[in-house]
Amino acid sequence: MKKNLVTVIATFVAGLFLIGGLAIAGEPGKVKLDNGEGKKAAVEFDHKAHTARTADCKACHHNGDNKKCFECHKLEASDTSKVDLAKANHKTCKDCHKKEKKGPTSCKGCHK
């Protein structure tokens, strides 16, 4: 009986480590935001560094679905209920950088 309990507990703990490891391994490091227009250089940032600052993915992925921005926000918002990609990124990133008083807020600070 005692041996079975130890086996169950060890299996449970091993499963927790496996799930945690898979979640961490699936997280991107450097991310490149590019709208494809070529008007300004793509914005690159360290996703892992940003997730270390907040555990709330909804801070950026506001629907909680962890999609890439351009999957919902298109270059031009043909649907008036949607925000275009540039406005969405500027609002999310710049507003957070201003609020936290960290990170770039100028064009050249992000578009290098």
C-alpha atoms as a PDB file:
ATOM      1  CA  MET A   1       0.000   0.000   0.000  1.00  0.00           C
ATOM      2  CA  LYS A   2       2.771   2.402   0.983  1.00  0.00           C
ATOM      3  CA  LYS A   3       4.733   1.497  -2.156  1.00  0.00           C
ATOM      4  CA  ASN A   4       1.705   2.240  -4.371  1.00  0.00           C
ATOM      5  CA  LEU A   5       1.212   5.633  -2.743  1.00  0.00           C
ATOM      6  CA  VAL A   6       4.858   6.537  -3.310  1.00  0.00           C
ATOM      7  CA  THR A   7       4.554   5.453  -6.973  1.00  0.00           C
ATOM      8  CA  VAL A   8       1.410   7.564  -7.473  1.00  0.00           C
ATOM      9  CA  ILE A   9       2.994  10.618  -5.878  1.00  0.00           C
ATOM     10  CA  ALA A  10       6.234  10.212  -7.874  1.00  0.00           C
ATOM     11  CA  THR A  11       4.250   9.861 -11.121  1.00  0.00           C
ATOM     12  CA  PHE A  12       2.209  12.964 -10.288  1.00  0.00           C
ATOM     13  CA  VAL A  13       5.318  15.050  -9.520  1.00  0.00           C
ATOM     14  CA  ALA A  14       7.054  13.834 -12.705  1.00  0.00           C
ATOM     15  CA  GLY A  15       3.946  14.807 -14.688  1.00  0.00           C
ATOM     16  CA  LEU A  16       4.014  18.307 -13.236  1.00  0.00           C
ATOM     17  CA  PHE A  17       7.637  18.748 -14.300  1.00  0.00           C
ATOM     18  CA  LEU A  18       6.848  17.431 -17.777  1.00  0.00           C
ATOM     19  CA  ILE A  19       3.901  19.794 -18.244  1.00  0.00           C
ATOM     20  CA  GLY A  20       5.915  22.756 -16.920  1.00  0.00           C
ATOM     21  CA  GLY A  21       8.827  21.914 -19.198  1.00  0.00           C
ATOM     22  CA  LEU A  22       6.577  21.687 -22.252  1.00  0.00           C
ATOM     23  CA  ALA A  23       4.992  25.042 -21.474  1.00  0.00           C
ATOM     24  CA  ILE A  24       8.386  26.716 -21.137  1.00  0.00           C
ATOM     25  CA  ALA A  25       9.832  25.027 -24.227  1.00  0.00           C
ATOM     26  CA  GLY A  26       6.892  26.234 -26.337  1.00  0.00           C
ATOM     27  CA  GLU A  27       7.419  29.888 -25.497  1.00  0.00           C
ATOM     28  CA  PRO A  28       9.234  31.908 -28.141  1.00  0.00           C
ATOM     29  CA  GLY A  29      12.409  33.842 -27.330  1.00  0.00           C
ATOM     30  CA  LYS A  30      12.882  36.686 -29.777  1.00  0.00           C
ATOM     31  CA  VAL A  31       9.741  37.786 -31.638  1.00  0.00           C
ATOM     32  CA  LYS A  32       9.642  39.871 -34.794  1.00  0.00           C
ATOM     33  CA  LEU A  33       6.584  42.021 -35.425  1.00  0.00           C
ATOM     34  CA  ASP A  34       6.378  42.865 -39.103  1.00  0.00           C
ATOM     35  CA  ASN A  35       3.332  44.189 -40.880  1.00  0.00           C
ATOM     36  CA  GLY A  36       4.782  43.486 -44.311  1.00  0.00           C
ATOM     37  CA  GLU A  37       4.357  47.042 -45.571  1.00  0.00           C
ATOM     38  CA  GLY A  38       8.039  47.902 -45.457  1.00  0.00           C
ATOM     39  CA  LYS A  39       7.356  51.493 -44.383  1.00  0.00           C
ATOM     40  CA  LYS A  40       9.241  50.987 -41.130  1.00  0.00           C
ATOM     41  CA  ALA A  41      11.620  48.294 -39.962  1.00  0.00           C
ATOM     42  CA  ALA A  42      10.111  45.335 -38.139  1.00  0.00           C
ATOM     43  CA  VAL A  43      10.029  45.511 -34.355  1.00  0.00           C
ATOM     44  CA  GLU A  44      11.969  42.810 -32.528  1.00  0.00           C
ATOM     45  CA  PHE A  45      11.568  42.119 -28.839  1.00  0.00           C
ATOM     46  CA  ASP A  46      12.383  39.450 -26.311  1.00  0.00           C
ATOM     47  CA  HIS A  47       9.147  37.595 -25.576  1.00  0.00           C
ATOM     48  CA  LYS A  48      10.616  35.655 -22.637  1.00  0.00           C
ATOM     49  CA  ALA A  49      11.820  38.856 -20.997  1.00  0.00           C
ATOM     50  CA  HIS A  50       8.354  40.348 -21.341  1.00  0.00           C
ATOM     51  CA  THR A  51       6.611  37.272 -19.907  1.00  0.00           C
ATOM     52  CA  ALA A  52       9.002  37.422 -16.963  1.00  0.00           C
ATOM     53  CA  ARG A  53       7.555  40.853 -16.153  1.00  0.00           C
ATOM     54  CA  THR A  54       3.928  39.708 -16.161  1.00  0.00           C
ATOM     55  CA  ALA A  55       2.307  36.334 -15.717  1.00  0.00           C
ATOM     56  CA  ASP A  56      -0.861  37.634 -17.355  1.00  0.00           C
ATOM     57  CA  CYS A  57      -0.760  36.744 -21.053  1.00  0.00           C
ATOM     58  CA  LYS A  58      -3.891  38.874 -21.535  1.00  0.00           C
ATOM     59  CA  ALA A  59      -1.762  41.969 -21.028  1.00  0.00           C
ATOM     60  CA  CYS A  60      -0.757  41.567 -24.700  1.00  0.00           C
ATOM     61  CA  HIS A  61      -2.902  38.714 -25.991  1.00  0.00           C
ATOM     62  CA  HIS A  62      -6.047  40.465 -24.823  1.00  0.00           C
ATOM     63  CA  ASN A  63      -8.450  37.690 -25.867  1.00  0.00           C
ATOM     64  CA  GLY A  64      -6.432  35.130 -23.950  1.00  0.00           C
ATOM     65  CA  ASP A  65      -6.025  32.947 -27.023  1.00  0.00           C
ATOM     66  CA  ASN A  66      -2.268  33.608 -27.525  1.00  0.00           C
ATOM     67  CA  LYS A  67      -2.684  34.152 -31.256  1.00  0.00           C
ATOM     68  CA  LYS A  68      -0.225  36.262 -33.179  1.00  0.00           C
ATOM     69  CA  CYS A  69      -1.381  39.870 -33.513  1.00  0.00           C
ATOM     70  CA  PHE A  70      -1.846  39.768 -37.272  1.00  0.00           C
ATOM     71  CA  GLU A  71      -4.218  36.813 -37.034  1.00  0.00           C
ATOM     72  CA  CYS A  72      -6.921  39.230 -35.865  1.00  0.00           C
ATOM     73  CA  HIS A  73      -5.478  42.686 -36.550  1.00  0.00           C
ATOM     74  CA  LYS A  74      -5.023  43.157 -40.295  1.00  0.00           C
ATOM     75  CA  LEU A  75      -2.986  45.848 -42.065  1.00  0.00           C
ATOM     76  CA  GLU A  76      -6.178  47.743 -42.680  1.00  0.00           C
ATOM     77  CA  ALA A  77      -9.248  47.291 -40.550  1.00  0.00           C
ATOM     78  CA  SER A  78     -12.023  46.758 -43.082  1.00  0.00           C
ATOM     79  CA  ASP A  79     -14.360  45.846 -40.243  1.00  0.00           C
ATOM     80  CA  THR A  80     -14.919  49.016 -38.214  1.00  0.00           C
ATOM     81  CA  SER A  81     -15.143  46.968 -35.020  1.00  0.00           C
ATOM     82  CA  LYS A  82     -11.509  45.858 -35.512  1.00  0.00           C
ATOM     83  CA  VAL A  83      -8.330  47.850 -34.912  1.00  0.00           C
ATOM     84  CA  ASP A  84      -5.622  47.710 -37.585  1.00  0.00           C
ATOM     85  CA  LEU A  85      -2.282  46.073 -36.805  1.00  0.00           C
ATOM     86  CA  ALA A  86      -0.178  49.215 -36.362  1.00  0.00           C
ATOM     87  CA  LYS A  87      -2.683  50.889 -34.040  1.00  0.00           C
ATOM     88  CA  ALA A  88      -3.098  47.709 -32.015  1.00  0.00           C
ATOM     89  CA  ASN A  89       0.650  47.263 -31.550  1.00  0.00           C
ATOM     90  CA  HIS A  90       1.244  50.927 -30.808  1.00  0.00           C
ATOM     91  CA  LYS A  91      -1.542  51.025 -28.238  1.00  0.00           C
ATOM     92  CA  THR A  92      -0.516  47.813 -26.507  1.00  0.00           C
ATOM     93  CA  CYS A  93       3.249  48.320 -26.513  1.00  0.00           C
ATOM     94  CA  LYS A  94       3.623  52.084 -26.178  1.00  0.00           C
ATOM     95  CA  ASP A  95       0.921  52.412 -23.549  1.00  0.00           C
ATOM     96  CA  CYS A  96       2.562  49.697 -21.442  1.00  0.00           C
ATOM     97  CA  HIS A  97       6.038  51.188 -21.886  1.00  0.00           C
ATOM     98  CA  LYS A  98       4.739  54.599 -20.793  1.00  0.00           C
ATOM     99  CA  LYS A  99       2.840  53.145 -17.843  1.00  0.00           C
ATOM    100  CA  GLU A 100       5.793  51.083 -16.645  1.00  0.00           C
ATOM    101  CA  LYS A 101       8.283  53.853 -17.483  1.00  0.00           C
ATOM    102  CA  LYS A 102      10.404  51.185 -19.222  1.00  0.00           C
ATOM    103  CA  GLY A 103      11.069  50.408 -22.842  1.00  0.00           C
ATOM    104  CA  PRO A 104      11.105  52.574 -25.930  1.00  0.00           C
ATOM    105  CA  THR A 105       8.236  54.867 -26.922  1.00  0.00           C
ATOM    106  CA  SER A 106       9.696  56.592 -29.988  1.00  0.00           C
ATOM    107  CA  CYS A 107       9.570  55.322 -33.589  1.00  0.00           C
ATOM    108  CA  LYS A 108      13.336  54.763 -33.751  1.00  0.00           C
ATOM    109  CA  GLY A 109      13.319  53.156 -30.316  1.00  0.00           C
ATOM    110  CA  CYS A 110      11.287  50.217 -31.643  1.00  0.00           C
ATOM    111  CA  HIS A 111      11.731  50.272 -35.424  1.00  0.00           C
ATOM    112  CA  LYS A 112      15.501  49.757 -35.753  1.00  0.00           C
END
